């Protein structure tokens, strides 16, 4: 019988998804890994430097290999990079019981809020928050779908996937066709309850509710969910729950896209990965002086060693 797991893959000080195409390919690799391993996807969130997935599977290690290996090959080929992408070992947390599962799913879906990149889960496009209770929450828009004969352009010719998977014109499988949305809607019960959990703040009440599951496991909270991420600040994440982040700041995806375009147009390189250390340092100095970007964001987007 399949068990439920929260999985997290962190990229250390690197960026896993540098542009929109990367986010789409990442989700497609995730979807194909579900099919290949006979696993069930519940919810996910793809952040610039890490991913969170809640899945049901017999072998979380095999699933993660099937997800990260093809994505790393795509990423390395696109950016002229070599080596393993992400940390050596991914983080795994078994989830058992109704309250345990609802807490894990809610924290995954609200990850963009905790990292200060979105004021609400629904405004972040790279997670499954908008796939649950779509009709009830007024999410009526559907992007036109591609013909199945065009899928290989976005997943590779050798990729295997079920006929039930549908792909949008943007080149990404729809979350509704990949994830077990009915199971998630049954877990939350109603759209009103789901909306409550998406805006609920972290508190000891969450921990107390999970004790009802009597599963002998520690409660799922920000500490356990984010323990798989290399760099995290729980106090800062809790602060962001109040919607006090500066959402006008340039995002990692915007900065990475800009930097890779600069590497191609000005330096005639495939990406920032081909820039010399001196070239990266010159760009970093300009970004810090002229645009007042943080050192940490500049370093990870430029792949600049400390």
Protein backbone atom coordinates (compact mmCIF):
# COMPACT_ATOMS: atom_id res chain seq x y z
CA UNK A 1 0.00 0.00 0.00
CA UNK A 2 1.33 3.43 -0.94
CA UNK A 3 2.31 5.80 1.84
CA UNK A 4 2.11 9.58 1.84
CA UNK A 5 5.33 11.60 1.85
CA UNK A 6 6.41 15.19 1.80
CA UNK A 7 9.53 15.48 -0.37
CA UNK A 8 11.82 18.47 -0.73
CA UNK A 9 14.70 19.01 -3.14
CA UNK A 10 16.93 22.01 -2.42
CA UNK A 11 19.49 23.55 -4.78
CA UNK A 12 21.92 24.76 -2.08
CA UNK A 13 23.03 28.25 -3.19
CA UNK A 14 21.94 27.70 -6.79
CA UNK A 15 18.70 28.35 -8.66
CA UNK A 16 16.78 25.31 -9.92
CA UNK A 17 14.40 27.17 -12.24
CA UNK A 18 15.90 30.14 -14.06
CA UNK A 19 13.02 30.99 -16.40
CA UNK A 20 9.42 30.06 -17.16
CA UNK A 21 10.45 27.21 -19.46
CA UNK A 22 12.36 25.65 -16.54
CA UNK A 23 9.34 25.78 -14.24
CA UNK A 24 7.23 24.11 -16.92
CA UNK A 25 9.82 21.44 -17.67
CA UNK A 26 10.24 20.82 -13.94
CA UNK A 27 6.54 20.16 -13.49
CA UNK A 28 6.46 17.96 -16.59
CA UNK A 29 9.34 15.88 -15.17
CA UNK A 30 7.44 15.65 -11.89
CA UNK A 31 4.30 14.47 -13.72
CA UNK A 32 6.18 11.85 -15.73
CA UNK A 33 7.93 10.58 -12.58
CA UNK A 34 4.52 10.06 -10.97
CA UNK A 35 3.41 7.93 -13.91
CA UNK A 36 6.69 6.04 -14.20
CA UNK A 37 6.71 5.03 -10.51
CA UNK A 38 2.97 4.43 -10.14
CA UNK A 39 2.77 7.28 -7.65
CA UNK A 40 -0.06 9.73 -6.94
CA UNK A 41 0.54 13.46 -6.81
CA UNK A 42 -1.43 15.48 -4.26
CA UNK A 43 0.03 19.00 -4.17
CA UNK A 44 3.32 20.68 -5.06
CA UNK A 45 5.12 24.00 -5.07
CA UNK A 46 8.09 24.82 -7.29
CA UNK A 47 10.20 27.63 -5.86
CA UNK A 48 13.29 29.14 -7.48
CA UNK A 49 15.73 27.28 -5.22
CA UNK A 50 13.74 24.24 -4.07
CA UNK A 51 10.64 22.12 -4.59
CA UNK A 52 8.00 20.72 -2.25
CA UNK A 53 5.86 17.74 -3.20
CA UNK A 54 3.21 15.79 -1.32
CA UNK A 55 2.81 12.42 -3.01
CA UNK A 56 1.65 8.86 -2.34
CA UNK A 57 4.16 6.27 -3.43
CA UNK A 58 5.73 2.91 -2.66
CA UNK A 59 9.24 4.22 -3.20
CA UNK A 60 9.96 7.93 -2.56
CA UNK A 61 13.64 7.48 -3.40
CA UNK A 62 12.86 6.01 -6.83
CA UNK A 63 10.29 8.73 -7.50
CA UNK A 64 12.78 11.48 -6.70
CA UNK A 65 15.41 9.89 -8.96
CA UNK A 66 12.92 9.73 -11.83
CA UNK A 67 12.02 13.37 -11.24
CA UNK A 68 15.39 15.01 -10.69
CA UNK A 69 17.56 13.03 -13.13
CA UNK A 70 15.79 14.00 -16.39
CA UNK A 71 15.35 17.56 -15.18
CA UNK A 72 19.06 17.87 -14.36
CA UNK A 73 19.94 16.59 -17.85
CA UNK A 74 17.64 19.17 -19.41
CA UNK A 75 19.02 21.96 -17.18
CA UNK A 76 22.68 21.08 -17.76
CA UNK A 77 22.18 20.89 -21.51
CA UNK A 78 20.32 24.19 -21.67
CA UNK A 79 22.77 26.19 -19.57
CA UNK A 80 26.04 24.43 -20.38
CA UNK A 81 26.34 23.20 -16.82
CA UNK A 82 27.87 19.96 -15.52
CA UNK A 83 27.26 17.78 -12.49
CA UNK A 84 24.42 16.86 -10.18
CA UNK A 85 21.74 19.48 -9.71
CA UNK A 86 20.61 20.08 -6.15
CA UNK A 87 21.71 18.65 -2.85
CA UNK A 88 23.10 15.14 -2.65
CA UNK A 89 20.12 13.85 -0.66
CA UNK A 90 16.54 15.07 -0.84
CA UNK A 91 14.44 15.50 2.30
CA UNK A 92 11.70 12.95 3.07
CA UNK A 93 8.95 13.20 5.70
CA UNK A 94 6.25 10.54 6.06
CA UNK A 95 2.77 11.95 6.58
CA UNK A 96 0.13 9.88 8.41
CA UNK A 97 -3.45 10.80 9.29
CA UNK A 98 -6.07 13.34 8.24
CA UNK A 99 -4.79 16.34 10.23
CA UNK A 100 -1.16 15.51 9.47
CA UNK A 101 -1.94 15.44 5.75
CA UNK A 102 -4.01 18.61 5.72
CA UNK A 103 -1.24 20.48 7.55
CA UNK A 104 1.44 19.20 5.16
CA UNK A 105 -0.62 20.06 2.09
CA UNK A 106 -1.43 23.52 3.42
CA UNK A 107 2.18 24.36 4.20
CA UNK A 108 3.29 23.18 0.75
CA UNK A 109 0.62 25.26 -1.00
CA UNK A 110 1.45 28.35 1.09
CA UNK A 111 5.20 28.08 0.51
CA UNK A 112 5.32 31.10 -1.78
CA UNK A 113 3.76 33.19 0.99
CA UNK A 114 6.33 32.00 3.52
CA UNK A 115 9.17 32.91 1.18
CA UNK A 116 7.78 36.36 0.53
CA UNK A 117 7.24 35.98 -3.21
CA UNK A 118 3.42 36.09 -3.19
CA UNK A 119 0.83 37.68 -0.88
CA UNK A 120 -1.56 34.73 -1.31
CA UNK A 121 -1.09 31.13 -2.54
CA UNK A 122 -3.52 31.81 -5.40
CA UNK A 123 -1.28 34.52 -6.87
CA UNK A 124 1.71 32.22 -7.26
CA UNK A 125 1.56 30.35 -10.59
CA UNK A 126 4.05 27.55 -9.88
CA UNK A 127 2.02 25.56 -7.36
CA UNK A 128 -1.27 23.68 -7.35
CA UNK A 129 -3.25 26.09 -5.15
CA UNK A 130 -5.48 27.15 -8.05
CA UNK A 131 -6.22 23.57 -9.13
CA UNK A 132 -8.29 22.79 -6.01
CA UNK A 133 -11.96 23.87 -5.89
CA UNK A 134 -11.45 25.78 -9.14
CA UNK A 135 -15.13 26.23 -9.96
CA UNK A 136 -16.14 27.11 -6.43
CA UNK A 137 -13.40 29.74 -6.16
CA UNK A 138 -14.18 31.26 -9.56
CA UNK A 139 -11.15 29.94 -11.47
CA UNK A 140 -12.96 29.57 -14.80
CA UNK A 141 -10.18 30.37 -17.24
CA UNK A 142 -8.60 27.45 -19.07
CA UNK A 143 -5.60 27.93 -21.35
CA UNK A 144 -6.07 26.27 -24.76
CA UNK A 145 -4.67 22.75 -25.00
CA UNK A 146 -2.05 21.37 -27.35
CA UNK A 147 -2.55 18.41 -29.62
CA UNK A 148 -0.88 15.36 -28.09
CA UNK A 149 1.44 15.03 -31.09
CA UNK A 150 3.13 18.28 -29.97
CA UNK A 151 3.89 17.14 -26.39
CA UNK A 152 7.33 15.77 -27.27
CA UNK A 153 8.64 19.30 -27.87
CA UNK A 154 8.30 19.92 -24.14
CA UNK A 155 9.05 16.53 -22.59
CA UNK A 156 11.35 14.80 -25.08
CA UNK A 157 10.58 12.08 -27.61
CA UNK A 158 11.30 9.19 -25.25
CA UNK A 159 9.05 10.39 -22.41
CA UNK A 160 6.15 8.14 -21.43
CA UNK A 161 2.93 9.51 -19.97
CA UNK A 162 -0.72 8.46 -19.85
CA UNK A 163 -3.37 9.61 -22.30
CA UNK A 164 -5.12 11.34 -19.39
CA UNK A 165 -2.37 13.96 -19.17
CA UNK A 166 -3.33 17.16 -21.00
CA UNK A 167 -0.89 19.91 -21.96
CA UNK A 168 -1.50 23.63 -22.43
CA UNK A 169 -0.18 25.73 -25.28
CA UNK A 170 2.51 26.95 -22.86
CA UNK A 171 4.01 23.46 -22.90
CA UNK A 172 3.13 22.29 -19.39
CA UNK A 173 0.83 19.48 -18.28
CA UNK A 174 -2.27 20.75 -16.53
CA UNK A 175 -2.26 20.18 -12.80
CA UNK A 176 -5.88 19.04 -13.00
CA UNK A 177 -4.88 16.15 -15.28
CA UNK A 178 -1.81 15.15 -13.27
CA UNK A 179 -2.77 15.51 -9.61
CA UNK A 180 -5.46 13.72 -7.61
CA UNK A 181 -7.56 16.85 -7.13
CA UNK A 182 -10.71 14.93 -6.01
CA UNK A 183 -8.72 13.43 -3.13
CA UNK A 184 -7.54 16.88 -2.05
CA UNK A 185 -11.04 18.35 -2.24
CA UNK A 186 -12.33 15.48 -0.12
CA UNK A 187 -9.53 16.13 2.38
CA UNK A 188 -10.47 19.81 2.80
CA UNK A 189 -14.20 19.16 2.57
CA UNK A 190 -15.43 22.48 1.20
CA UNK A 191 -14.09 25.43 -0.73
CA UNK A 192 -14.72 27.62 2.31
CA UNK A 193 -12.62 25.34 4.53
CA UNK A 194 -9.88 25.22 1.90
CA UNK A 195 -9.82 28.99 1.65
CA UNK A 196 -9.53 29.19 5.45
CA UNK A 197 -6.48 26.93 5.47
CA UNK A 198 -4.84 28.91 2.69
CA UNK A 199 -5.00 32.09 4.80
CA UNK A 200 -4.56 30.52 8.25
CA UNK A 201 -1.46 31.62 10.17
CA UNK A 202 1.01 29.23 11.76
CA UNK A 203 0.22 28.56 15.41
CA UNK A 204 0.36 25.92 18.12
CA UNK A 205 -3.25 25.07 17.28
CA UNK A 206 -2.03 23.30 14.15
CA UNK A 207 0.22 21.10 16.27
CA UNK A 208 -2.60 20.34 18.71
CA UNK A 209 -4.99 19.32 15.95
CA UNK A 210 -2.47 16.85 14.57
CA UNK A 211 -2.24 15.07 17.91
CA UNK A 212 -5.74 13.71 17.19
CA UNK A 213 -4.22 11.49 14.51
CA UNK A 214 -2.31 9.61 17.25
CA UNK A 215 0.30 8.55 14.69
CA UNK A 216 3.30 8.89 17.00
CA UNK A 217 4.91 11.36 14.59
CA UNK A 218 5.96 14.95 15.24
CA UNK A 219 3.51 17.57 13.94
CA UNK A 220 3.98 19.08 10.52
CA UNK A 221 4.84 22.77 10.76
CA UNK A 222 7.14 25.35 9.20
CA UNK A 223 10.17 23.83 10.94
CA UNK A 224 9.57 20.33 9.60
CA UNK A 225 8.46 21.42 6.12
CA UNK A 226 11.41 23.77 5.64
CA UNK A 227 14.05 21.57 7.27
CA UNK A 228 14.86 20.20 3.83
CA UNK A 229 15.78 23.65 2.50
CA UNK A 230 19.42 24.65 2.86
CA UNK A 231 18.79 28.29 3.69
CA UNK A 232 15.69 29.25 5.61
CA UNK A 233 14.70 31.69 8.32
CA UNK A 234 11.57 30.62 10.20
CA UNK A 235 11.11 33.98 11.92
CA UNK A 236 11.22 35.73 8.55
CA UNK A 237 8.75 33.26 7.04
CA UNK A 238 6.34 33.82 9.91
CA UNK A 239 6.67 37.56 9.33
CA UNK A 240 5.83 37.08 5.64
CA UNK A 241 2.58 35.32 6.63
CA UNK A 242 1.26 38.77 7.50
CA UNK A 243 1.70 39.86 3.88
CA UNK A 244 4.46 42.31 4.72
CA UNK A 245 6.98 41.30 2.06
CA UNK A 246 7.99 43.79 -0.60
CA UNK A 247 6.43 42.20 -3.68
CA UNK A 248 7.82 44.95 -5.92
CA UNK A 249 11.31 43.48 -5.64
CA UNK A 250 12.64 41.66 -8.70
CA UNK A 251 12.12 37.92 -8.43
CA UNK A 252 14.75 35.24 -8.99
CA UNK A 253 13.09 34.13 -12.23
CA UNK A 254 13.10 37.72 -13.55
CA UNK A 255 16.72 38.30 -12.58
CA UNK A 256 17.95 34.93 -13.88
CA UNK A 257 16.16 35.41 -17.20
CA UNK A 258 17.71 38.86 -17.52
CA UNK A 259 21.21 37.62 -16.63
CA UNK A 260 21.14 34.69 -19.05
CA UNK A 261 19.98 37.00 -21.82
CA UNK A 262 22.86 39.34 -20.93
CA UNK A 263 25.33 36.45 -21.08
CA UNK A 264 24.13 35.61 -24.60
CA UNK A 265 23.85 39.14 -26.01
CA UNK A 266 26.86 40.86 -24.45
CA UNK A 267 29.29 38.01 -23.80
CA UNK A 268 28.20 35.51 -26.47
CA UNK A 269 27.89 32.74 -23.86
CA UNK A 270 25.23 30.08 -23.43
CA UNK A 271 24.32 31.30 -19.95
CA UNK A 272 25.86 32.76 -16.79
CA UNK A 273 27.44 29.34 -16.20
CA UNK A 274 29.94 30.12 -18.99
CA UNK A 275 30.95 33.54 -17.66
CA UNK A 276 34.38 33.93 -16.08
CA UNK A 277 34.66 34.78 -12.40
CA UNK A 278 35.81 38.29 -13.30
CA UNK A 279 32.81 38.81 -15.58
CA UNK A 280 30.44 37.62 -12.86
CA UNK A 281 32.06 39.88 -10.29
CA UNK A 282 31.74 42.91 -12.60
CA UNK A 283 28.04 42.18 -13.14
CA UNK A 284 27.51 41.59 -9.42
CA UNK A 285 29.12 44.91 -8.54
CA UNK A 286 26.86 46.72 -10.99
CA UNK A 287 23.72 45.01 -9.65
CA UNK A 288 24.63 45.83 -6.09
CA UNK A 289 25.63 49.44 -6.77
CA UNK A 290 23.06 50.50 -9.37
CA UNK A 291 20.06 48.34 -8.47
CA UNK A 292 20.61 47.69 -4.76
CA UNK A 293 19.86 43.97 -4.98
CA UNK A 294 20.79 41.74 -2.07
CA UNK A 295 24.11 39.94 -2.10
CA UNK A 296 22.44 36.56 -1.59
CA UNK A 297 20.13 36.97 -4.59
CA UNK A 298 22.95 38.21 -6.81
CA UNK A 299 25.17 35.29 -5.85
CA UNK A 300 22.62 32.55 -6.43
CA UNK A 301 21.35 33.98 -9.72
CA UNK A 302 24.90 34.50 -11.03
CA UNK A 303 26.06 31.16 -9.53
CA UNK A 304 28.82 33.16 -7.90
CA UNK A 305 30.85 31.31 -5.25
CA UNK A 306 31.31 32.87 -1.83
